[in-house]
């Protein structure tokens, strides 16, 4: 068996200790099981980007194509 060392927050250590005491097993057993579950599940899916969420809206608004660059459309904006 290989030994791995890592730092964990105190709250996580307390929760780990509580679970280990409740189950009457060493913390290492709880950690190995949790790590094995996470690895079996695979990498967590990433959150979608803003573009992916709004993809269906792209091109849905009718208006001038130069809205953000033509100074005549920007006259009433700003100070």
PDB file of N, CA and C in Angstrom:
ATOM      1  N   UNK A   1       0.854  -1.175   0.000  1.00  0.00           N
ATOM      2  CA  UNK A   1       0.000   0.000   0.000  1.00  0.00           C
ATOM      3  C   UNK A   1       0.895   1.231   0.000  1.00  0.00           C
ATOM      4  N   UNK A   2       0.476   2.282  -0.688  1.00  0.00           N
ATOM      5  CA  UNK A   2       1.227   3.524  -0.809  1.00  0.00           C
ATOM      6  C   UNK A   2       0.708   4.524   0.217  1.00  0.00           C
ATOM      7  N   UNK A   3       1.602   5.332   0.750  1.00  0.00           N
ATOM      8  CA  UNK A   3       1.218   6.373   1.695  1.00  0.00           C
ATOM      9  C   UNK A   3       1.164   7.707   0.977  1.00  0.00           C
ATOM     10  N   UNK A   4       0.070   8.439   1.165  1.00  0.00           N
ATOM     11  CA  UNK A   4      -0.096   9.775   0.593  1.00  0.00           C
ATOM     12  C   UNK A   4      -0.350  10.737   1.745  1.00  0.00           C
ATOM     13  N   UNK A   5       0.304  11.884   1.698  1.00  0.00           N
ATOM     14  CA  UNK A   5       0.113  12.897   2.722  1.00  0.00           C
ATOM     15  C   UNK A   5      -0.548  14.109   2.097  1.00  0.00           C
ATOM     16  N   UNK A   6      -1.589  14.623   2.745  1.00  0.00           N
ATOM     17  CA  UNK A   6      -2.222  15.852   2.258  1.00  0.00           C
ATOM     18  C   UNK A   6      -2.729  16.647   3.451  1.00  0.00           C
ATOM     19  N   UNK A   7      -2.874  17.939   3.242  1.00  0.00           N
ATOM     20  CA  UNK A   7      -3.399  18.819   4.291  1.00  0.00           C
ATOM     21  C   UNK A   7      -4.891  19.018   4.049  1.00  0.00           C
ATOM     22  N   UNK A   8      -5.653  18.968   5.117  1.00  0.00           N
ATOM     23  CA  UNK A   8      -7.096  19.195   5.004  1.00  0.00           C
ATOM     24  C   UNK A   8      -7.512  20.227   6.053  1.00  0.00           C
ATOM     25  N   UNK A   9      -8.585  20.952   5.797  1.00  0.00           N
ATOM     26  CA  UNK A   9      -9.069  21.935   6.778  1.00  0.00           C
ATOM     27  C   UNK A   9      -9.489  21.251   8.080  1.00  0.00           C
ATOM     28  N   UNK A  10      -9.413  22.011   9.158  1.00  0.00           N
ATOM     29  CA  UNK A  10      -9.750  21.457  10.479  1.00  0.00           C
ATOM     30  C   UNK A  10     -11.198  20.954  10.545  1.00  0.00           C
ATOM     31  N   UNK A  11     -12.119  21.671   9.900  1.00  0.00           N
ATOM     32  CA  UNK A  11     -13.523  21.235   9.914  1.00  0.00           C
ATOM     33  C   UNK A  11     -13.688  19.879   9.232  1.00  0.00           C
ATOM     34  N   UNK A  12     -12.975  19.693   8.120  1.00  0.00           N
ATOM     35  CA  UNK A  12     -13.042  18.413   7.419  1.00  0.00           C
ATOM     36  C   UNK A  12     -12.443  17.308   8.269  1.00  0.00           C
ATOM     37  N   UNK A  13     -11.347  17.615   8.969  1.00  0.00           N
ATOM     38  CA  UNK A  13     -10.733  16.620   9.851  1.00  0.00           C
ATOM     39  C   UNK A  13     -11.683  16.244  10.978  1.00  0.00           C
ATOM     40  N   UNK A  14     -12.395  17.228  11.513  1.00  0.00           N
ATOM     41  CA  UNK A  14     -13.354  16.952  12.589  1.00  0.00           C
ATOM     42  C   UNK A  14     -14.487  16.060  12.086  1.00  0.00           C
ATOM     43  N   UNK A  15     -15.002  16.367  10.888  1.00  0.00           N
ATOM     44  CA  UNK A  15     -16.077  15.550  10.319  1.00  0.00           C
ATOM     45  C   UNK A  15     -15.584  14.143  10.019  1.00  0.00           C
ATOM     46  N   UNK A  16     -14.359  14.049   9.525  1.00  0.00           N
ATOM     47  CA  UNK A  16     -13.758  12.746   9.249  1.00  0.00           C
ATOM     48  C   UNK A  16     -13.600  11.943  10.533  1.00  0.00           C
ATOM     49  N   UNK A  17     -13.125  12.589  11.576  1.00  0.00           N
ATOM     50  CA  UNK A  17     -12.964  11.925  12.868  1.00  0.00           C
ATOM     51  C   UNK A  17     -14.294  11.466  13.447  1.00  0.00           C
ATOM     52  N   UNK A  18     -15.316  12.307  13.309  1.00  0.00           N
ATOM     53  CA  UNK A  18     -16.640  11.952  13.831  1.00  0.00           C
ATOM     54  C   UNK A  18     -17.193  10.732  13.101  1.00  0.00           C
ATOM     55  N   UNK A  19     -17.042  10.709  11.788  1.00  0.00           N
ATOM     56  CA  UNK A  19     -17.534   9.562  11.029  1.00  0.00           C
ATOM     57  C   UNK A  19     -16.757   8.287  11.386  1.00  0.00           C
ATOM     58  N   UNK A  20     -15.466   8.438  11.533  1.00  0.00           N
ATOM     59  CA  UNK A  20     -14.641   7.280  11.893  1.00  0.00           C
ATOM     60  C   UNK A  20     -15.027   6.737  13.269  1.00  0.00           C
ATOM     61  N   UNK A  21     -15.244   7.630  14.229  1.00  0.00           N
ATOM     62  CA  UNK A  21     -15.661   7.185  15.566  1.00  0.00           C
ATOM     63  C   UNK A  21     -17.024   6.516  15.517  1.00  0.00           C
ATOM     64  N   UNK A  22     -17.942   7.104  14.758  1.00  0.00           N
ATOM     65  CA  UNK A  22     -19.283   6.550  14.643  1.00  0.00           C
ATOM     66  C   UNK A  22     -19.244   5.126  14.064  1.00  0.00           C
ATOM     67  N   UNK A  23     -18.412   4.939  13.060  1.00  0.00           N
ATOM     68  CA  UNK A  23     -18.305   3.629  12.412  1.00  0.00           C
ATOM     69  C   UNK A  23     -17.308   2.703  13.102  1.00  0.00           C
ATOM     70  N   UNK A  24     -16.562   3.269  14.054  1.00  0.00           N
ATOM     71  CA  UNK A  24     -15.533   2.523  14.804  1.00  0.00           C
ATOM     72  C   UNK A  24     -14.479   1.934  13.864  1.00  0.00           C
ATOM     73  N   UNK A  25     -13.990   2.805  12.983  1.00  0.00           N
ATOM     74  CA  UNK A  25     -12.910   2.438  12.078  1.00  0.00           C
ATOM     75  C   UNK A  25     -11.903   3.584  12.078  1.00  0.00           C
ATOM     76  N   UNK A  26     -10.673   3.326  11.641  1.00  0.00           N
ATOM     77  CA  UNK A  26      -9.697   4.417  11.550  1.00  0.00           C
ATOM     78  C   UNK A  26     -10.097   5.444  10.480  1.00  0.00           C
ATOM     79  N   UNK A  27      -9.615   6.670  10.634  1.00  0.00           N
ATOM     80  CA  UNK A  27      -9.888   7.718   9.650  1.00  0.00           C
ATOM     81  C   UNK A  27      -9.428   7.288   8.260  1.00  0.00           C
ATOM     82  N   UNK A  28      -8.331   6.559   8.199  1.00  0.00           N
ATOM     83  CA  UNK A  28      -7.787   6.136   6.906  1.00  0.00           C
ATOM     84  C   UNK A  28      -8.799   5.298   6.125  1.00  0.00           C
ATOM     85  N   UNK A  29      -9.571   4.490   6.810  1.00  0.00           N
ATOM     86  CA  UNK A  29     -10.578   3.660   6.132  1.00  0.00           C
ATOM     87  C   UNK A  29     -11.646   4.558   5.506  1.00  0.00           C
ATOM     88  N   UNK A  30     -12.119   5.538   6.259  1.00  0.00           N
ATOM     89  CA  UNK A  30     -13.142   6.456   5.755  1.00  0.00           C
ATOM     90  C   UNK A  30     -12.580   7.227   4.559  1.00  0.00           C
ATOM     91  N   UNK A  31     -11.346   7.674   4.669  1.00  0.00           N
ATOM     92  CA  UNK A  31     -10.723   8.431   3.576  1.00  0.00           C
ATOM     93  C   UNK A  31     -10.552   7.571   2.332  1.00  0.00           C
ATOM     94  N   UNK A  32     -10.093   6.336   2.478  1.00  0.00           N
ATOM     95  CA  UNK A  32      -9.911   5.448   1.321  1.00  0.00           C
ATOM     96  C   UNK A  32     -11.237   5.185   0.619  1.00  0.00           C
ATOM     97  N   UNK A  33     -12.287   4.944   1.403  1.00  0.00           N
ATOM     98  CA  UNK A  33     -13.596   4.678   0.809  1.00  0.00           C
ATOM     99  C   UNK A  33     -14.126   5.902   0.062  1.00  0.00           C
ATOM    100  N   UNK A  34     -13.978   7.072   0.653  1.00  0.00           N
ATOM    101  CA  UNK A  34     -14.458   8.300   0.008  1.00  0.00           C
ATOM    102  C   UNK A  34     -13.668   8.571  -1.269  1.00  0.00           C
ATOM    103  N   UNK A  35     -12.379   8.371  -1.220  1.00  0.00           N
ATOM    104  CA  UNK A  35     -11.546   8.588  -2.398  1.00  0.00           C
ATOM    105  C   UNK A  35     -11.892   7.586  -3.495  1.00  0.00           C
ATOM    106  N   UNK A  36     -12.108   6.334  -3.128  1.00  0.00           N
ATOM    107  CA  UNK A  36     -12.471   5.308  -4.106  1.00  0.00           C
ATOM    108  C   UNK A  36     -13.812   5.630  -4.763  1.00  0.00           C
ATOM    109  N   UNK A  37     -14.793   6.100  -3.975  1.00  0.00           N
ATOM    110  CA  UNK A  37     -16.098   6.490  -4.539  1.00  0.00           C
ATOM    111  C   UNK A  37     -15.939   7.619  -5.541  1.00  0.00           C
ATOM    112  N   UNK A  38     -15.137   8.599  -5.181  1.00  0.00           N
ATOM    113  CA  UNK A  38     -14.942   9.759  -6.063  1.00  0.00           C
ATOM    114  C   UNK A  38     -14.254   9.340  -7.361  1.00  0.00           C
ATOM    115  N   UNK A  39     -13.278   8.483  -7.278  1.00  0.00           N
ATOM    116  CA  UNK A  39     -12.560   8.039  -8.471  1.00  0.00           C
ATOM    117  C   UNK A  39     -13.476   7.200  -9.360  1.00  0.00           C
ATOM    118  N   UNK A  40     -14.299   6.343  -8.756  1.00  0.00           N
ATOM    119  CA  UNK A  40     -15.247   5.536  -9.542  1.00  0.00           C
ATOM    120  C   UNK A  40     -16.241   6.407 -10.297  1.00  0.00           C
ATOM    121  N   UNK A  41     -16.676   7.499  -9.655  1.00  0.00           N
ATOM    122  CA  UNK A  41     -17.627   8.407 -10.289  1.00  0.00           C
ATOM    123  C   UNK A  41     -16.996   9.163 -11.449  1.00  0.00           C
ATOM    124  N   UNK A  42     -15.702   9.287 -11.424  1.00  0.00           N
ATOM    125  CA  UNK A  42     -15.001  10.042 -12.463  1.00  0.00           C
ATOM    126  C   UNK A  42     -14.966  11.512 -12.135  1.00  0.00           C
ATOM    127  N   UNK A  43     -14.383  12.252 -13.012  1.00  0.00           N
ATOM    128  CA  UNK A  43     -14.271  13.694 -12.806  1.00  0.00           C
ATOM    129  C   UNK A  43     -15.659  14.320 -12.809  1.00  0.00           C
ATOM    130  N   UNK A  44     -15.849  15.269 -11.940  1.00  0.00           N
ATOM    131  CA  UNK A  44     -17.136  15.968 -11.878  1.00  0.00           C
ATOM    132  C   UNK A  44     -17.336  16.758 -13.165  1.00  0.00           C
ATOM    133  N   UNK A  45     -18.542  16.769 -13.680  1.00  0.00           N
ATOM    134  CA  UNK A  45     -18.784  17.538 -14.902  1.00  0.00           C
ATOM    135  C   UNK A  45     -18.567  19.017 -14.627  1.00  0.00           C
ATOM    136  N   UNK A  46     -17.989  19.699 -15.601  1.00  0.00           N
ATOM    137  CA  UNK A  46     -17.728  21.126 -15.413  1.00  0.00           C
ATOM    138  C   UNK A  46     -19.020  21.913 -15.619  1.00  0.00           C
ATOM    139  N   UNK A  47     -19.066  23.067 -15.031  1.00  0.00           N
ATOM    140  CA  UNK A  47     -20.230  23.936 -15.196  1.00  0.00           C
ATOM    141  C   UNK A  47     -20.234  24.498 -16.606  1.00  0.00           C
ATOM    142  N   UNK A  48     -21.400  24.665 -17.203  1.00  0.00           N
ATOM    143  CA  UNK A  48     -21.450  25.222 -18.560  1.00  0.00           C
ATOM    144  C   UNK A  48     -21.000  26.683 -18.559  1.00  0.00           C
ATOM    145  N   UNK A  49     -20.415  27.104 -19.661  1.00  0.00           N
ATOM    146  CA  UNK A  49     -19.995  28.495 -19.803  1.00  0.00           C
ATOM    147  C   UNK A  49     -21.215  29.370 -20.072  1.00  0.00           C
ATOM    148  N   UNK A  50     -21.035  30.679 -19.936  1.00  0.00           N
ATOM    149  CA  UNK A  50     -22.126  31.610 -20.219  1.00  0.00           C
ATOM    150  C   UNK A  50     -22.566  31.481 -21.675  1.00  0.00           C
ATOM    151  N   UNK A  51     -21.611  31.303 -22.575  1.00  0.00           N
ATOM    152  CA  UNK A  51     -21.962  31.145 -23.988  1.00  0.00           C
ATOM    153  C   UNK A  51     -22.806  29.890 -24.208  1.00  0.00           C
ATOM    154  N   UNK A  52     -22.418  28.784 -23.568  1.00  0.00           N
ATOM    155  CA  UNK A  52     -23.181  27.545 -23.731  1.00  0.00           C
ATOM    156  C   UNK A  52     -24.614  27.701 -23.233  1.00  0.00           C
ATOM    157  N   UNK A  53     -24.786  28.456 -22.153  1.00  0.00           N
ATOM    158  CA  UNK A  53     -26.130  28.678 -21.618  1.00  0.00           C
ATOM    159  C   UNK A  53     -26.963  29.589 -22.516  1.00  0.00           C
ATOM    160  N   UNK A  54     -26.314  30.536 -23.190  1.00  0.00           N
ATOM    161  CA  UNK A  54     -27.046  31.510 -23.995  1.00  0.00           C
ATOM    162  C   UNK A  54     -26.934  31.244 -25.491  1.00  0.00           C
ATOM    163  N   UNK A  55     -26.382  30.121 -25.879  1.00  0.00           N
ATOM    164  CA  UNK A  55     -26.160  29.813 -27.297  1.00  0.00           C
ATOM    165  C   UNK A  55     -27.431  29.975 -28.130  1.00  0.00           C
ATOM    166  N   UNK A  56     -28.560  29.528 -27.616  1.00  0.00           N
ATOM    167  CA  UNK A  56     -29.801  29.594 -28.395  1.00  0.00           C
ATOM    168  C   UNK A  56     -30.272  31.034 -28.595  1.00  0.00           C
ATOM    169  N   UNK A  57     -29.777  31.955 -27.782  1.00  0.00           N
ATOM    170  CA  UNK A  57     -30.178  33.354 -27.897  1.00  0.00           C
ATOM    171  C   UNK A  57     -29.330  34.134 -28.900  1.00  0.00           C
ATOM    172  N   UNK A  58     -28.166  33.600 -29.253  1.00  0.00           N
ATOM    173  CA  UNK A  58     -27.276  34.305 -30.174  1.00  0.00           C
ATOM    174  C   UNK A  58     -27.961  34.494 -31.519  1.00  0.00           C
ATOM    175  N   UNK A  59     -28.009  35.729 -31.964  1.00  0.00           N
ATOM    176  CA  UNK A  59     -28.643  36.049 -33.228  1.00  0.00           C
ATOM    177  C   UNK A  59     -30.150  36.176 -33.145  1.00  0.00           C
ATOM    178  N   UNK A  60     -30.726  36.061 -31.957  1.00  0.00           N
ATOM    179  CA  UNK A  60     -32.183  36.101 -31.819  1.00  0.00           C
ATOM    180  C   UNK A  60     -32.728  37.526 -31.772  1.00  0.00           C
ATOM    181  N   UNK A  61     -31.874  38.506 -31.502  1.00  0.00           N
ATOM    182  CA  UNK A  61     -32.316  39.887 -31.369  1.00  0.00           C
ATOM    183  C   UNK A  61     -32.142  40.601 -32.704  1.00  0.00           C
ATOM    184  N   UNK A  62     -33.184  41.255 -33.139  1.00  0.00           N
ATOM    185  CA  UNK A  62     -33.102  42.016 -34.395  1.00  0.00           C
ATOM    186  C   UNK A  62     -32.697  43.452 -34.060  1.00  0.00           C
ATOM    187  N   UNK A  63     -31.818  43.985 -34.866  1.00  0.00           N
ATOM    188  CA  UNK A  63     -31.361  45.355 -34.659  1.00  0.00           C
ATOM    189  C   UNK A  63     -30.150  45.615 -35.529  1.00  0.00           C
ATOM    190  N   UNK A  64     -29.582  46.796 -35.408  1.00  0.00           N
ATOM    191  CA  UNK A  64     -28.426  47.116 -36.235  1.00  0.00           C
ATOM    192  C   UNK A  64     -27.228  46.238 -35.875  1.00  0.00           C
ATOM    193  N   UNK A  65     -26.472  45.837 -36.883  1.00  0.00           N
ATOM    194  CA  UNK A  65     -25.321  44.965 -36.654  1.00  0.00           C
ATOM    195  C   UNK A  65     -24.159  45.716 -36.016  1.00  0.00           C
ATOM    196  N   UNK A  66     -24.136  47.041 -36.136  1.00  0.00           N
ATOM    197  CA  UNK A  66     -23.032  47.831 -35.591  1.00  0.00           C
ATOM    198  C   UNK A  66     -23.433  48.541 -34.295  1.00  0.00           C
ATOM    199  N   UNK A  67     -24.336  47.957 -33.535  1.00  0.00           N
ATOM    200  CA  UNK A  67     -24.898  48.591 -32.338  1.00  0.00           C
ATOM    201  C   UNK A  67     -23.829  48.990 -31.327  1.00  0.00           C
ATOM    202  N   UNK A  68     -22.803  48.179 -31.153  1.00  0.00           N
ATOM    203  CA  UNK A  68     -21.808  48.489 -30.128  1.00  0.00           C
ATOM    204  C   UNK A  68     -20.644  49.312 -30.649  1.00  0.00           C
ATOM    205  N   UNK A  69     -20.570  49.548 -31.950  1.00  0.00           N
ATOM    206  CA  UNK A  69     -19.400  50.248 -32.476  1.00  0.00           C
ATOM    207  C   UNK A  69     -19.717  51.556 -33.187  1.00  0.00           C
ATOM    208  N   UNK A  70     -20.932  51.753 -33.623  1.00  0.00           N
ATOM    209  CA  UNK A  70     -21.272  52.966 -34.360  1.00  0.00           C
ATOM    210  C   UNK A  70     -21.614  54.081 -33.372  1.00  0.00           C
ATOM    211  N   UNK A  71     -20.876  55.205 -33.430  1.00  0.00           N
ATOM    212  CA  UNK A  71     -21.099  56.296 -32.479  1.00  0.00           C
ATOM    213  C   UNK A  71     -22.525  56.838 -32.470  1.00  0.00           C
ATOM    214  N   UNK A  72     -23.245  56.762 -33.574  1.00  0.00           N
ATOM    215  CA  UNK A  72     -24.611  57.315 -33.585  1.00  0.00           C
ATOM    216  C   UNK A  72     -25.536  56.514 -32.662  1.00  0.00           C
ATOM    217  N   UNK A  73     -25.227  55.222 -32.427  1.00  0.00           N
ATOM    218  CA  UNK A  73     -26.047  54.406 -31.521  1.00  0.00           C
ATOM    219  C   UNK A  73     -25.656  54.626 -30.059  1.00  0.00           C
ATOM    220  N   UNK A  74     -24.503  55.270 -29.843  1.00  0.00           N
ATOM    221  CA  UNK A  74     -23.978  55.432 -28.483  1.00  0.00           C
ATOM    222  C   UNK A  74     -24.176  56.848 -27.941  1.00  0.00           C
ATOM    223  N   UNK A  75     -24.827  57.720 -28.695  1.00  0.00           N
ATOM    224  CA  UNK A  75     -24.967  59.129 -28.293  1.00  0.00           C
ATOM    225  C   UNK A  75     -25.621  59.317 -26.948  1.00  0.00           C
ATOM    226  N   UNK A  76     -26.661  58.577 -26.621  1.00  0.00           N
ATOM    227  CA  UNK A  76     -27.413  58.789 -25.374  1.00  0.00           C
ATOM    228  C   UNK A  76     -26.818  58.033 -24.188  1.00  0.00           C
ATOM    229  N   UNK A  77     -25.741  57.321 -24.385  1.00  0.00           N
ATOM    230  CA  UNK A  77     -25.139  56.537 -23.299  1.00  0.00           C
ATOM    231  C   UNK A  77     -24.007  57.312 -22.635  1.00  0.00           C
ATOM    232  N   UNK A  78     -23.741  57.028 -21.404  1.00  0.00           N
ATOM    233  CA  UNK A  78     -22.619  57.650 -20.714  1.00  0.00           C
ATOM    234  C   UNK A  78     -22.973  59.006 -20.132  1.00  0.00           C
ATOM    235  N   UNK A  79     -21.947  59.689 -19.710  1.00  0.00           N
ATOM    236  CA  UNK A  79     -22.149  60.972 -19.018  1.00  0.00           C
ATOM    237  C   UNK A  79     -22.274  62.116 -19.972  1.00  0.00           C
TER     238      UNK A  79
END
